[in-house]
Amino acid sequence: MANANILEQKKQLVADLADRMKNAAGGVIVNYQGITVADDTALRSELRKAGVEYTVVKNTLTSKACDIIGFEGLKDQLTGMTALATSAEDPIAPAKILAKYAKDHENFVLKAGFVEGELLDQNAVKELAETPSKEVLIGRLMGSLQSGLYGFAYAIQAIIDKNEGGESAEVAAEAAAE
């Protein structure tokens, strides 16, 4: 029979993991089998820089956390050597970084994920990874808005220039007539 302290520690781990997943903007579950320690260290460093928390947790504990927060659909993916990457701020960062890594390492497999409480299958995680970052999307939106405003400003200026040009031509014609 398991020690009471160990059971309490596991319960706390599950509660913390459930809280982390529930409050994350996005997360991805991967199979990390077959990657080297050096590759894993480099991946963890890149994830840390992006504010992504990456951990290896026992599948049974992750499964219990999924039960707590209603992510039962992820439980089918909890087989083999599984790691979880979550971001509290950027829902795209875990998918983008891990998908890039998976392209270079054939043993590293994206399994599933979630964004703001919605579960994603493997294909949806890959599509999410292709989404430009928040900053790029905001830049594109601002550029689109700005180009429309610039076009409007140029049109208004052309009307003003035309009217000023027309008035000065009329004034010059009247002065010449006198």
Protein backbone atom coordinates (compact mmCIF):
# COMPACT_ATOMS: atom_id res chain seq x y z
CA MET A 1 0.00 0.00 0.00
CA ALA A 2 1.24 3.45 -0.92
CA ASN A 3 2.48 5.84 1.69
CA ALA A 4 0.00 8.57 2.66
CA ASN A 5 2.61 11.28 2.01
CA ILE A 6 3.25 10.00 -1.49
CA LEU A 7 -0.49 9.93 -2.23
CA GLU A 8 -0.83 13.52 -1.02
CA GLN A 9 2.12 14.59 -3.18
CA LYS A 10 0.55 12.95 -6.22
CA LYS A 11 -2.81 14.57 -5.51
CA GLN A 12 -1.08 17.94 -5.28
CA LEU A 13 0.80 17.28 -8.55
CA VAL A 14 -2.48 16.44 -10.29
CA ALA A 15 -4.19 19.54 -8.87
CA ASP A 16 -1.28 21.77 -9.94
CA LEU A 17 -1.21 20.22 -13.41
CA ALA A 18 -4.98 20.61 -13.82
CA ASP A 19 -4.72 24.26 -12.76
CA ARG A 20 -1.84 24.85 -15.19
CA MET A 21 -3.76 23.30 -18.10
CA LYS A 22 -7.01 25.04 -17.24
CA ASN A 23 -5.37 28.49 -17.06
CA ALA A 24 -3.16 28.05 -20.12
CA ALA A 25 -3.92 29.98 -23.28
CA GLY A 26 -2.67 26.98 -25.23
CA GLY A 27 -0.86 23.70 -24.90
CA VAL A 28 0.49 20.76 -26.87
CA ILE A 29 1.08 17.11 -25.99
CA VAL A 30 4.04 15.44 -27.73
CA ASN A 31 5.81 12.09 -27.87
CA TYR A 32 9.47 12.91 -27.24
CA GLN A 33 10.82 9.37 -27.62
CA GLY A 34 14.18 9.10 -29.35
CA ILE A 35 15.50 12.65 -28.99
CA THR A 36 18.95 13.26 -27.59
CA VAL A 37 19.69 15.08 -24.36
CA ALA A 38 21.40 17.88 -26.31
CA ASP A 39 18.36 18.31 -28.57
CA ASP A 40 16.03 18.24 -25.58
CA THR A 41 18.11 20.88 -23.79
CA ALA A 42 18.07 23.14 -26.86
CA LEU A 43 14.30 22.69 -27.22
CA ARG A 44 13.67 23.48 -23.55
CA SER A 45 15.79 26.63 -23.84
CA GLU A 46 13.83 27.86 -26.87
CA LEU A 47 10.52 27.12 -25.14
CA ARG A 48 11.62 28.96 -21.98
CA LYS A 49 12.54 32.05 -24.03
CA ALA A 50 9.00 32.06 -25.45
CA GLY A 51 7.43 31.72 -22.00
CA VAL A 52 6.35 28.12 -22.57
CA GLU A 53 6.44 25.63 -19.70
CA TYR A 54 7.54 22.17 -20.87
CA THR A 55 7.41 19.17 -18.57
CA VAL A 56 7.38 15.42 -18.64
CA VAL A 57 4.59 14.12 -16.41
CA LYS A 58 3.41 10.56 -15.90
CA ASN A 59 0.53 9.74 -18.24
CA THR A 60 -1.64 8.58 -15.34
CA LEU A 61 -1.25 11.91 -13.54
CA THR A 62 -1.96 13.87 -16.74
CA SER A 63 -5.00 11.67 -17.32
CA LYS A 64 -6.35 12.48 -13.86
CA ALA A 65 -5.76 16.20 -14.50
CA CYS A 66 -7.68 15.88 -17.79
CA ASP A 67 -10.59 14.34 -15.87
CA ILE A 68 -10.64 17.27 -13.46
CA ILE A 69 -10.80 19.97 -16.14
CA GLY A 70 -12.95 18.17 -18.70
CA PHE A 71 -10.23 17.39 -21.27
CA GLU A 72 -11.13 13.70 -21.47
CA GLY A 73 -10.58 13.84 -25.25
CA LEU A 74 -6.84 14.16 -24.67
CA LYS A 75 -6.60 10.96 -22.63
CA ASP A 76 -6.36 8.78 -25.76
CA GLN A 77 -3.07 10.53 -26.59
CA LEU A 78 -1.46 9.77 -23.24
CA THR A 79 0.60 6.77 -24.29
CA GLY A 80 4.33 6.34 -24.62
CA MET A 81 6.82 9.00 -23.62
CA THR A 82 4.63 12.06 -23.31
CA ALA A 83 5.52 15.67 -22.54
CA LEU A 84 3.27 18.69 -22.11
CA ALA A 85 4.04 22.25 -23.21
CA THR A 86 1.78 25.09 -22.09
CA SER A 87 1.79 28.85 -22.36
CA ALA A 88 -0.21 31.13 -20.11
CA GLU A 89 0.04 34.07 -22.54
CA ASP A 90 0.51 32.97 -26.15
CA PRO A 91 -1.77 30.17 -27.43
CA ILE A 92 0.30 29.69 -30.58
CA ALA A 93 3.84 29.57 -29.14
CA PRO A 94 3.86 25.93 -27.94
CA ALA A 95 2.48 24.63 -31.25
CA LYS A 96 4.78 26.80 -33.37
CA ILE A 97 8.00 25.88 -31.55
CA LEU A 98 7.21 22.17 -31.18
CA ALA A 99 6.03 21.81 -34.81
CA LYS A 100 9.26 23.42 -36.03
CA TYR A 101 11.22 21.01 -33.85
CA ALA A 102 9.17 18.01 -35.06
CA LYS A 103 10.06 18.83 -38.69
CA ASP A 104 13.74 18.36 -37.88
CA HIS A 105 13.33 15.31 -35.62
CA GLU A 106 11.24 12.48 -37.06
CA ASN A 107 10.88 10.70 -33.69
CA PHE A 108 9.37 13.80 -32.07
CA VAL A 109 5.61 13.64 -32.70
CA LEU A 110 2.89 16.19 -32.05
CA LYS A 111 -0.08 14.29 -30.60
CA ALA A 112 -2.79 16.79 -29.64
CA GLY A 113 -3.34 20.12 -27.99
CA PHE A 114 -5.75 22.69 -26.69
CA VAL A 115 -6.37 26.41 -27.08
CA GLU A 116 -8.47 28.34 -24.59
CA GLY A 117 -10.38 25.24 -23.49
CA GLU A 118 -10.94 23.78 -26.98
CA LEU A 119 -9.28 20.44 -27.77
CA LEU A 120 -7.23 20.07 -30.96
CA ASP A 121 -6.22 16.94 -32.82
CA GLN A 122 -2.78 16.47 -34.38
CA ASN A 123 -3.77 18.17 -37.67
CA ALA A 124 -5.30 21.14 -35.90
CA VAL A 125 -2.10 21.59 -33.87
CA LYS A 126 -0.10 21.62 -37.11
CA GLU A 127 -2.49 24.20 -38.60
CA LEU A 128 -2.20 26.30 -35.45
CA ALA A 129 1.58 26.19 -35.80
CA GLU A 130 1.27 27.70 -39.29
CA THR A 131 -0.68 30.67 -37.90
CA PRO A 132 1.42 33.82 -37.80
CA SER A 133 2.25 35.18 -34.36
CA LYS A 134 0.02 37.71 -32.64
CA GLU A 135 2.48 40.50 -33.40
CA VAL A 136 2.53 39.66 -37.12
CA LEU A 137 -1.28 39.52 -37.28
CA ILE A 138 -1.58 42.87 -35.51
CA GLY A 139 1.00 44.34 -37.89
CA ARG A 140 -0.94 43.08 -40.90
CA LEU A 141 -4.19 44.48 -39.53
CA MET A 142 -2.60 47.85 -38.84
CA GLY A 143 -1.07 47.89 -42.31
CA SER A 144 -4.44 47.16 -43.87
CA LEU A 145 -6.12 49.90 -41.86
CA GLN A 146 -3.31 52.32 -42.57
CA SER A 147 -3.32 51.72 -46.32
CA GLY A 148 -7.04 52.47 -46.45
CA LEU A 149 -6.55 55.65 -44.46
CA TYR A 150 -3.62 56.71 -46.64
CA GLY A 151 -5.73 56.19 -49.76
CA PHE A 152 -8.53 58.26 -48.25
CA ALA A 153 -6.09 61.02 -47.24
CA TYR A 154 -4.57 61.13 -50.74
CA ALA A 155 -8.04 61.36 -52.29
CA ILE A 156 -9.01 64.24 -49.99
CA GLN A 157 -5.72 66.00 -50.72
CA ALA A 158 -6.29 65.59 -54.47
CA ILE A 159 -9.74 67.19 -54.13
CA ILE A 160 -8.27 70.06 -52.08
CA ASP A 161 -5.47 70.56 -54.60
CA LYS A 162 -7.95 70.50 -57.47
CA ASN A 163 -10.22 73.05 -55.79
CA GLU A 164 -7.32 75.33 -54.86
CA GLY A 165 -5.95 75.04 -58.36
CA GLY A 166 -9.36 75.82 -59.81
CA GLU A 167 -9.85 78.85 -57.58
CA SER A 168 -6.44 80.32 -58.35
CA ALA A 169 -7.06 79.81 -62.06
CA GLU A 170 -10.41 81.60 -61.77
CA VAL A 171 -8.80 84.44 -59.77
CA ALA A 172 -6.06 84.77 -62.37
CA ALA A 173 -8.64 84.79 -65.18
CA GLU A 174 -10.68 87.51 -63.42
CA ALA A 175 -7.54 89.58 -62.82
CA ALA A 176 -6.57 89.25 -66.46
CA ALA A 177 -10.09 90.26 -67.54
CA GLU A 178 -9.93 93.51 -65.52
